[in-house]
PDB file of N, CA and C in Angstrom:
ATOM      1  N   UNK A   1     -31.444  14.324 -39.968  1.00  0.00           N
ATOM      2  CA  UNK A   1     -30.069  14.272 -39.327  1.00  0.00           C
ATOM      3  C   UNK A   1     -30.576  13.337 -38.158  1.00  0.00           C
ATOM      4  N   UNK A   2     -32.354  12.288 -37.957  1.00  0.00           N
ATOM      5  CA  UNK A   2     -32.448  11.161 -37.430  1.00  0.00           C
ATOM      6  C   UNK A   2     -31.701  10.630 -37.419  1.00  0.00           C
ATOM      7  N   UNK A   3     -31.267  10.078 -39.039  1.00  0.00           N
ATOM      8  CA  UNK A   3     -30.707   9.478 -40.148  1.00  0.00           C
ATOM      9  C   UNK A   3     -28.337   8.555 -39.564  1.00  0.00           C
ATOM     10  N   UNK A   4     -28.564   9.926 -39.321  1.00  0.00           N
ATOM     11  CA  UNK A   4     -26.877  10.251 -38.350  1.00  0.00           C
ATOM     12  C   UNK A   4     -27.141   9.034 -37.019  1.00  0.00           C
ATOM     13  N   UNK A   5     -28.243   9.788 -36.403  1.00  0.00           N
ATOM     14  CA  UNK A   5     -28.067   8.740 -34.920  1.00  0.00           C
ATOM     15  C   UNK A   5     -28.867   7.018 -35.259  1.00  0.00           C
ATOM     16  N   UNK A   6     -30.053   6.932 -35.966  1.00  0.00           N
ATOM     17  CA  UNK A   6     -29.535   5.842 -36.082  1.00  0.00           C
ATOM     18  C   UNK A   6     -28.329   4.703 -36.976  1.00  0.00           C
ATOM     19  N   UNK A   7     -28.082   5.836 -37.847  1.00  0.00           N
ATOM     20  CA  UNK A   7     -25.932   5.094 -38.195  1.00  0.00           C
ATOM     21  C   UNK A   7     -25.064   4.457 -37.289  1.00  0.00           C
ATOM     22  N   UNK A   8     -25.384   5.560 -35.952  1.00  0.00           N
ATOM     23  CA  UNK A   8     -24.603   5.996 -35.550  1.00  0.00           C
ATOM     24  C   UNK A   8     -24.980   4.397 -34.492  1.00  0.00           C
ATOM     25  N   UNK A   9     -26.561   4.360 -33.531  1.00  0.00           N
ATOM     26  CA  UNK A   9     -26.740   3.442 -33.340  1.00  0.00           C
ATOM     27  C   UNK A   9     -26.628   1.476 -33.798  1.00  0.00           C
ATOM     28  N   UNK A  10     -26.428   1.766 -34.393  1.00  0.00           N
ATOM     29  CA  UNK A  10     -26.328   0.017 -35.131  1.00  0.00           C
ATOM     30  C   UNK A  10     -25.683  -0.090 -35.766  1.00  0.00           C
ATOM     31  N   UNK A  11     -24.413   0.712 -35.546  1.00  0.00           N
ATOM     32  CA  UNK A  11     -22.814   0.677 -36.202  1.00  0.00           C
ATOM     33  C   UNK A  11     -21.901   0.336 -34.812  1.00  0.00           C
ATOM     34  N   UNK A  12     -22.336   0.959 -33.386  1.00  0.00           N
ATOM     35  CA  UNK A  12     -21.763   0.450 -32.508  1.00  0.00           C
ATOM     36  C   UNK A  12     -23.212  -0.388 -31.292  1.00  0.00           C
ATOM     37  N   UNK A  13     -23.011  -0.962 -31.779  1.00  0.00           N
ATOM     38  CA  UNK A  13     -23.249  -2.004 -30.970  1.00  0.00           C
ATOM     39  C   UNK A  13     -22.708  -2.416 -28.900  1.00  0.00           C
ATOM     40  N   UNK A  14     -24.374  -1.719 -28.351  1.00  0.00           N
ATOM     41  CA  UNK A  14     -23.520  -2.468 -26.556  1.00  0.00           C
ATOM     42  C   UNK A  14     -23.408  -3.128 -26.979  1.00  0.00           C
ATOM     43  N   UNK A  15     -22.477  -4.188 -25.995  1.00  0.00           N
ATOM     44  CA  UNK A  15     -21.581  -5.347 -25.463  1.00  0.00           C
ATOM     45  C   UNK A  15     -22.357  -5.858 -24.353  1.00  0.00           C
ATOM     46  N   UNK A  16     -22.659  -7.217 -24.584  1.00  0.00           N
ATOM     47  CA  UNK A  16     -24.241  -7.955 -23.576  1.00  0.00           C
ATOM     48  C   UNK A  16     -22.916  -7.924 -22.499  1.00  0.00           C
ATOM     49  N   UNK A  17     -23.547  -8.364 -20.913  1.00  0.00           N
ATOM     50  CA  UNK A  17     -22.903  -8.499 -19.861  1.00  0.00           C
ATOM     51  C   UNK A  17     -22.147  -9.707 -19.810  1.00  0.00           C
ATOM     52  N   UNK A  18     -22.415  -9.890 -20.178  1.00  0.00           N
ATOM     53  CA  UNK A  18     -21.393 -11.365 -20.296  1.00  0.00           C
ATOM     54  C   UNK A  18     -20.080 -11.308 -21.089  1.00  0.00           C
ATOM     55  N   UNK A  19     -20.230 -11.052 -22.556  1.00  0.00           N
ATOM     56  CA  UNK A  19     -19.400 -10.973 -22.581  1.00  0.00           C
ATOM     57  C   UNK A  19     -17.345 -10.176 -22.226  1.00  0.00           C
ATOM     58  N   UNK A  20     -18.346  -8.924 -21.228  1.00  0.00           N
ATOM     59  CA  UNK A  20     -17.384  -8.236 -20.806  1.00  0.00           C
ATOM     60  C   UNK A  20     -16.816  -8.694 -18.950  1.00  0.00           C
ATOM     61  N   UNK A  21     -15.443  -9.543 -19.152  1.00  0.00           N
ATOM     62  CA  UNK A  21     -14.645  -9.462 -18.059  1.00  0.00           C
ATOM     63  C   UNK A  21     -13.901  -9.166 -17.851  1.00  0.00           C
ATOM     64  N   UNK A  22     -12.796  -9.584 -17.091  1.00  0.00           N
ATOM     65  CA  UNK A  22     -11.857  -9.109 -16.574  1.00  0.00           C
ATOM     66  C   UNK A  22     -10.905  -9.971 -16.749  1.00  0.00           C
ATOM     67  N   UNK A  23     -10.945 -11.228 -17.069  1.00  0.00           N
ATOM     68  CA  UNK A  23      -9.915 -11.981 -18.002  1.00  0.00           C
ATOM     69  C   UNK A  23      -8.816 -12.200 -16.941  1.00  0.00           C
ATOM     70  N   UNK A  24      -7.869 -13.250 -17.268  1.00  0.00           N
ATOM     71  CA  UNK A  24      -7.056 -13.923 -16.210  1.00  0.00           C
ATOM     72  C   UNK A  24      -5.715 -11.759 -16.605  1.00  0.00           C
ATOM     73  N   UNK A  25      -5.780 -11.654 -16.860  1.00  0.00           N
ATOM     74  CA  UNK A  25      -4.668 -10.236 -17.598  1.00  0.00           C
ATOM     75  C   UNK A  25      -5.602  -9.556 -15.940  1.00  0.00           C
ATOM     76  N   UNK A  26      -6.506  -9.581 -15.623  1.00  0.00           N
ATOM     77  CA  UNK A  26      -6.942  -8.989 -14.319  1.00  0.00           C
ATOM     78  C   UNK A  26      -7.181  -9.714 -13.369  1.00  0.00           C
ATOM     79  N   UNK A  27      -6.688 -10.616 -13.261  1.00  0.00           N
ATOM     80  CA  UNK A  27      -6.948 -11.521 -12.405  1.00  0.00           C
ATOM     81  C   UNK A  27      -5.215 -11.190 -10.963  1.00  0.00           C
ATOM     82  N   UNK A  28      -4.202 -11.402 -12.934  1.00  0.00           N
ATOM     83  CA  UNK A  28      -2.486 -11.411 -12.563  1.00  0.00           C
ATOM     84  C   UNK A  28      -2.242  -9.861 -11.868  1.00  0.00           C
ATOM     85  N   UNK A  29      -2.763  -9.062 -12.186  1.00  0.00           N
ATOM     86  CA  UNK A  29      -2.856  -8.287 -11.988  1.00  0.00           C
ATOM     87  C   UNK A  29      -2.658  -8.053 -10.846  1.00  0.00           C
ATOM     88  N   UNK A  30      -3.856  -7.981 -10.499  1.00  0.00           N
ATOM     89  CA  UNK A  30      -4.832  -7.889  -9.006  1.00  0.00           C
ATOM     90  C   UNK A  30      -3.726  -8.573  -7.984  1.00  0.00           C
ATOM     91  N   UNK A  31      -3.371 -10.094  -8.646  1.00  0.00           N
ATOM     92  CA  UNK A  31      -1.946 -10.678  -7.287  1.00  0.00           C
ATOM     93  C   UNK A  31      -1.063 -10.184  -7.114  1.00  0.00           C
ATOM     94  N   UNK A  32      -0.971  -9.471  -8.711  1.00  0.00           N
ATOM     95  CA  UNK A  32       0.810  -8.438  -8.096  1.00  0.00           C
ATOM     96  C   UNK A  32       0.848  -7.890  -7.273  1.00  0.00           C
ATOM     97  N   UNK A  33       0.013  -6.737  -7.526  1.00  0.00           N
ATOM     98  CA  UNK A  33      -0.454  -5.402  -6.200  1.00  0.00           C
ATOM     99  C   UNK A  33      -0.728  -5.927  -5.088  1.00  0.00           C
ATOM    100  N   UNK A  34      -1.473  -7.564  -4.714  1.00  0.00           N
ATOM    101  CA  UNK A  34      -1.568  -7.882  -3.565  1.00  0.00           C
ATOM    102  C   UNK A  34      -0.005  -7.990  -2.477  1.00  0.00           C
ATOM    103  N   UNK A  35       0.518  -8.877  -3.800  1.00  0.00           N
ATOM    104  CA  UNK A  35       2.118  -8.863  -3.224  1.00  0.00           C
ATOM    105  C   UNK A  35       2.718  -7.910  -3.398  1.00  0.00           C
ATOM    106  N   UNK A  36       2.561  -7.160  -4.023  1.00  0.00           N
ATOM    107  CA  UNK A  36       3.353  -6.031  -3.044  1.00  0.00           C
ATOM    108  C   UNK A  36       3.063  -5.623  -2.444  1.00  0.00           C
ATOM    109  N   UNK A  37       2.446  -5.429  -1.538  1.00  0.00           N
ATOM    110  CA  UNK A  37       1.523  -4.505  -0.901  1.00  0.00           C
ATOM    111  C   UNK A  37       2.189  -5.550   0.845  1.00  0.00           C
ATOM    112  N   UNK A  38       1.736  -6.316   0.359  1.00  0.00           N
ATOM    113  CA  UNK A  38       3.006  -7.423   1.731  1.00  0.00           C
ATOM    114  C   UNK A  38       4.549  -6.964   1.519  1.00  0.00           C
ATOM    115  N   UNK A  39       5.217  -7.132   0.433  1.00  0.00           N
ATOM    116  CA  UNK A  39       6.683  -6.711   0.733  1.00  0.00           C
ATOM    117  C   UNK A  39       6.446  -5.435   1.156  1.00  0.00           C
ATOM    118  N   UNK A  40       6.408  -3.985   0.626  1.00  0.00           N
ATOM    119  CA  UNK A  40       6.752  -2.875   0.887  1.00  0.00           C
ATOM    120  C   UNK A  40       5.919  -3.185   2.682  1.00  0.00           C
ATOM    121  N   UNK A  41       5.326  -3.955   3.362  1.00  0.00           N
ATOM    122  CA  UNK A  41       4.467  -3.731   4.287  1.00  0.00           C
ATOM    123  C   UNK A  41       5.778  -4.359   5.093  1.00  0.00           C
ATOM    124  N   UNK A  42       6.241  -5.533   4.416  1.00  0.00           N
ATOM    125  CA  UNK A  42       7.052  -6.361   5.136  1.00  0.00           C
ATOM    126  C   UNK A  42       9.017  -5.053   5.169  1.00  0.00           C
ATOM    127  N   UNK A  43       9.172  -4.965   4.719  1.00  0.00           N
ATOM    128  CA  UNK A  43      10.351  -3.300   4.212  1.00  0.00           C
ATOM    129  C   UNK A  43       9.878  -2.849   5.743  1.00  0.00           C
ATOM    130  N   UNK A  44       8.285  -2.764   4.995  1.00  0.00           N
ATOM    131  CA  UNK A  44       8.032  -1.360   6.665  1.00  0.00           C
ATOM    132  C   UNK A  44       8.072  -1.391   7.794  1.00  0.00           C
ATOM    133  N   UNK A  45       7.527  -2.463   7.792  1.00  0.00           N
ATOM    134  CA  UNK A  45       7.869  -2.970   9.476  1.00  0.00           C
ATOM    135  C   UNK A  45       9.812  -3.823   9.534  1.00  0.00           C
ATOM    136  N   UNK A  46      10.296  -3.788   9.005  1.00  0.00           N
ATOM    137  CA  UNK A  46      12.039  -3.557   9.205  1.00  0.00           C
ATOM    138  C   UNK A  46      12.016  -2.985   9.509  1.00  0.00           C
ATOM    139  N   UNK A  47      12.080  -1.116   8.671  1.00  0.00           N
ATOM    140  CA  UNK A  47      12.690  -0.146   9.419  1.00  0.00           C
ATOM    141  C   UNK A  47      12.379   0.350  10.468  1.00  0.00           C
ATOM    142  N   UNK A  48      10.748   0.183  10.641  1.00  0.00           N
ATOM    143  CA  UNK A  48      10.975   0.243  11.725  1.00  0.00           C
ATOM    144  C   UNK A  48      11.286  -0.306  13.260  1.00  0.00           C
ATOM    145  N   UNK A  49      12.331  -1.676  13.198  1.00  0.00           N
ATOM    146  CA  UNK A  49      12.002  -2.302  14.339  1.00  0.00           C
ATOM    147  C   UNK A  49      14.160  -1.023  14.379  1.00  0.00           C
ATOM    148  N   UNK A  50      14.777  -0.810  13.189  1.00  0.00           N
ATOM    149  CA  UNK A  50      15.619  -0.492  12.574  1.00  0.00           C
ATOM    150  C   UNK A  50      15.852   0.721  13.543  1.00  0.00           C
ATOM    151  N   UNK A  51      14.571   1.233  12.788  1.00  0.00           N
ATOM    152  CA  UNK A  51      14.666   3.274  13.982  1.00  0.00           C
ATOM    153  C   UNK A  51      14.377   2.382  15.731  1.00  0.00           C
ATOM    154  N   UNK A  52      13.640   1.734  16.264  1.00  0.00           N
ATOM    155  CA  UNK A  52      13.534   1.791  17.958  1.00  0.00           C
ATOM    156  C   UNK A  52      14.271   0.987  18.113  1.00  0.00           C
ATOM    157  N   UNK A  53      16.301  -0.156  17.395  1.00  0.00           N
ATOM    158  CA  UNK A  53      17.041  -0.794  18.434  1.00  0.00           C
ATOM    159  C   UNK A  53      17.791   1.381  17.706  1.00  0.00           C
ATOM    160  N   UNK A  54      17.893   2.296  17.260  1.00  0.00           N
ATOM    161  CA  UNK A  54      18.034   2.598  16.817  1.00  0.00           C
ATOM    162  C   UNK A  54      18.615   3.673  17.967  1.00  0.00           C
ATOM    163  N   UNK A  55      17.012   3.973  18.251  1.00  0.00           N
ATOM    164  CA  UNK A  55      16.118   4.386  19.424  1.00  0.00           C
ATOM    165  C   UNK A  55      17.188   4.078  20.509  1.00  0.00           C
ATOM    166  N   UNK A  56      16.792   2.926  21.456  1.00  0.00           N
ATOM    167  CA  UNK A  56      17.578   2.305  21.998  1.00  0.00           C
ATOM    168  C   UNK A  56      19.314   2.925  22.616  1.00  0.00           C
ATOM    169  N   UNK A  57      19.726   1.944  21.204  1.00  0.00           N
ATOM    170  CA  UNK A  57      20.536   3.091  21.758  1.00  0.00           C
ATOM    171  C   UNK A  57      21.464   4.079  21.417  1.00  0.00           C
ATOM    172  N   UNK A  58      20.671   5.558  21.787  1.00  0.00           N
ATOM    173  CA  UNK A  58      20.913   6.576  21.578  1.00  0.00           C
ATOM    174  C   UNK A  58      21.589   7.449  20.362  1.00  0.00           C
ATOM    175  N   UNK A  59      21.163   6.818  19.587  1.00  0.00           N
ATOM    176  CA  UNK A  59      21.646   7.674  18.198  1.00  0.00           C
ATOM    177  C   UNK A  59      21.322   8.732  17.775  1.00  0.00           C
ATOM    178  N   UNK A  60      20.195   9.404  18.039  1.00  0.00           N
ATOM    179  CA  UNK A  60      19.164  10.065  18.019  1.00  0.00           C
ATOM    180  C   UNK A  60      19.757  11.423  18.644  1.00  0.00           C
ATOM    181  N   UNK A  61      20.340  11.401  19.642  1.00  0.00           N
ATOM    182  CA  UNK A  61      20.878  12.768  20.902  1.00  0.00           C
ATOM    183  C   UNK A  61      20.234  12.395  22.333  1.00  0.00           C
ATOM    184  N   UNK A  62      19.349  11.241  22.610  1.00  0.00           N
ATOM    185  CA  UNK A  62      19.075  11.363  23.699  1.00  0.00           C
ATOM    186  C   UNK A  62      19.641  10.244  24.047  1.00  0.00           C
ATOM    187  N   UNK A  63      19.229   9.962  24.893  1.00  0.00           N
ATOM    188  CA  UNK A  63      20.302   8.883  26.291  1.00  0.00           C
ATOM    189  C   UNK A  63      20.231   7.194  26.729  1.00  0.00           C
ATOM    190  N   UNK A  64      21.065   6.866  25.027  1.00  0.00           N
ATOM    191  CA  UNK A  64      20.567   5.325  25.930  1.00  0.00           C
ATOM    192  C   UNK A  64      19.903   4.528  26.701  1.00  0.00           C
ATOM    193  N   UNK A  65      18.911   3.647  26.471  1.00  0.00           N
ATOM    194  CA  UNK A  65      18.325   2.484  27.407  1.00  0.00           C
ATOM    195  C   UNK A  65      18.750   1.875  28.134  1.00  0.00           C
ATOM    196  N   UNK A  66      18.903   2.086  28.955  1.00  0.00           N
ATOM    197  CA  UNK A  66      19.844  -0.002  29.572  1.00  0.00           C
ATOM    198  C   UNK A  66      19.070  -0.795  29.661  1.00  0.00           C
ATOM    199  N   UNK A  67      19.202  -2.270  29.551  1.00  0.00           N
ATOM    200  CA  UNK A  67      18.942  -3.121  29.415  1.00  0.00           C
ATOM    201  C   UNK A  67      18.234  -3.336  30.195  1.00  0.00           C
ATOM    202  N   UNK A  68      18.095  -2.906  31.937  1.00  0.00           N
ATOM    203  CA  UNK A  68      16.599  -3.408  32.790  1.00  0.00           C
ATOM    204  C   UNK A  68      16.328  -2.075  32.558  1.00  0.00           C
ATOM    205  N   UNK A  69      15.767  -1.057  32.662  1.00  0.00           N
ATOM    206  CA  UNK A  69      15.565   0.369  32.637  1.00  0.00           C
ATOM    207  C   UNK A  69      14.433   0.082  31.488  1.00  0.00           C
ATOM    208  N   UNK A  70      12.759   0.772  31.693  1.00  0.00           N
ATOM    209  CA  UNK A  70      12.117   1.235  31.173  1.00  0.00           C
ATOM    210  C   UNK A  70      12.268   2.057  29.710  1.00  0.00           C
ATOM    211  N   UNK A  71      11.643   2.116  28.906  1.00  0.00           N
ATOM    212  CA  UNK A  71      11.348   3.011  27.971  1.00  0.00           C
ATOM    213  C   UNK A  71      11.061   4.686  27.830  1.00  0.00           C
ATOM    214  N   UNK A  72      11.317   5.455  28.391  1.00  0.00           N
ATOM    215  CA  UNK A  72      11.341   6.691  28.149  1.00  0.00           C
ATOM    216  C   UNK A  72      10.294   6.870  28.191  1.00  0.00           C
ATOM    217  N   UNK A  73       9.106   7.554  28.384  1.00  0.00           N
ATOM    218  CA  UNK A  73       7.677   8.093  28.088  1.00  0.00           C
ATOM    219  C   UNK A  73       8.278   9.709  27.162  1.00  0.00           C
ATOM    220  N   UNK A  74       6.604   9.699  26.506  1.00  0.00           N
ATOM    221  CA  UNK A  74       7.630  11.092  25.884  1.00  0.00           C
ATOM    222  C   UNK A  74       6.574  11.783  26.564  1.00  0.00           C
ATOM    223  N   UNK A  75       6.196  12.309  27.383  1.00  0.00           N
ATOM    224  CA  UNK A  75       6.520  13.563  28.400  1.00  0.00           C
ATOM    225  C   UNK A  75       8.165  13.883  28.123  1.00  0.00           C
ATOM    226  N   UNK A  76       8.285  12.086  29.158  1.00  0.00           N
ATOM    227  CA  UNK A  76      10.237  12.881  29.755  1.00  0.00           C
ATOM    228  C   UNK A  76      11.410  12.989  28.231  1.00  0.00           C
ATOM    229  N   UNK A  77      10.799  12.458  28.020  1.00  0.00           N
ATOM    230  CA  UNK A  77      11.699  12.142  26.118  1.00  0.00           C
ATOM    231  C   UNK A  77      11.932  13.180  25.526  1.00  0.00           C
ATOM    232  N   UNK A  78      11.068  14.817  26.088  1.00  0.00           N
ATOM    233  CA  UNK A  78      10.449  15.777  24.825  1.00  0.00           C
ATOM    234  C   UNK A  78      10.907  16.814  26.553  1.00  0.00           C
ATOM    235  N   UNK A  79      11.404  17.053  27.654  1.00  0.00           N
ATOM    236  CA  UNK A  79      12.044  16.908  28.773  1.00  0.00           C
ATOM    237  C   UNK A  79      13.513  17.924  28.349  1.00  0.00           C
TER     238      UNK A  79
END
């Protein structure tokens, strides 16, 4: 039984800490994820701006906001 453990330990050498690296593929994946998050955040910001403009125009059943008046507060909007 001990012979099997010795053979298994000898046939499966542990890599050195300097031999294990992410490399260029890991770096490229990280950069691609960062770029994707930036594009998603930009798109999300644009969509929120569209929602604000639509709300001010009265698309959601509220009264359209006048150019001179202030936007309604949450308590006025909930009435």
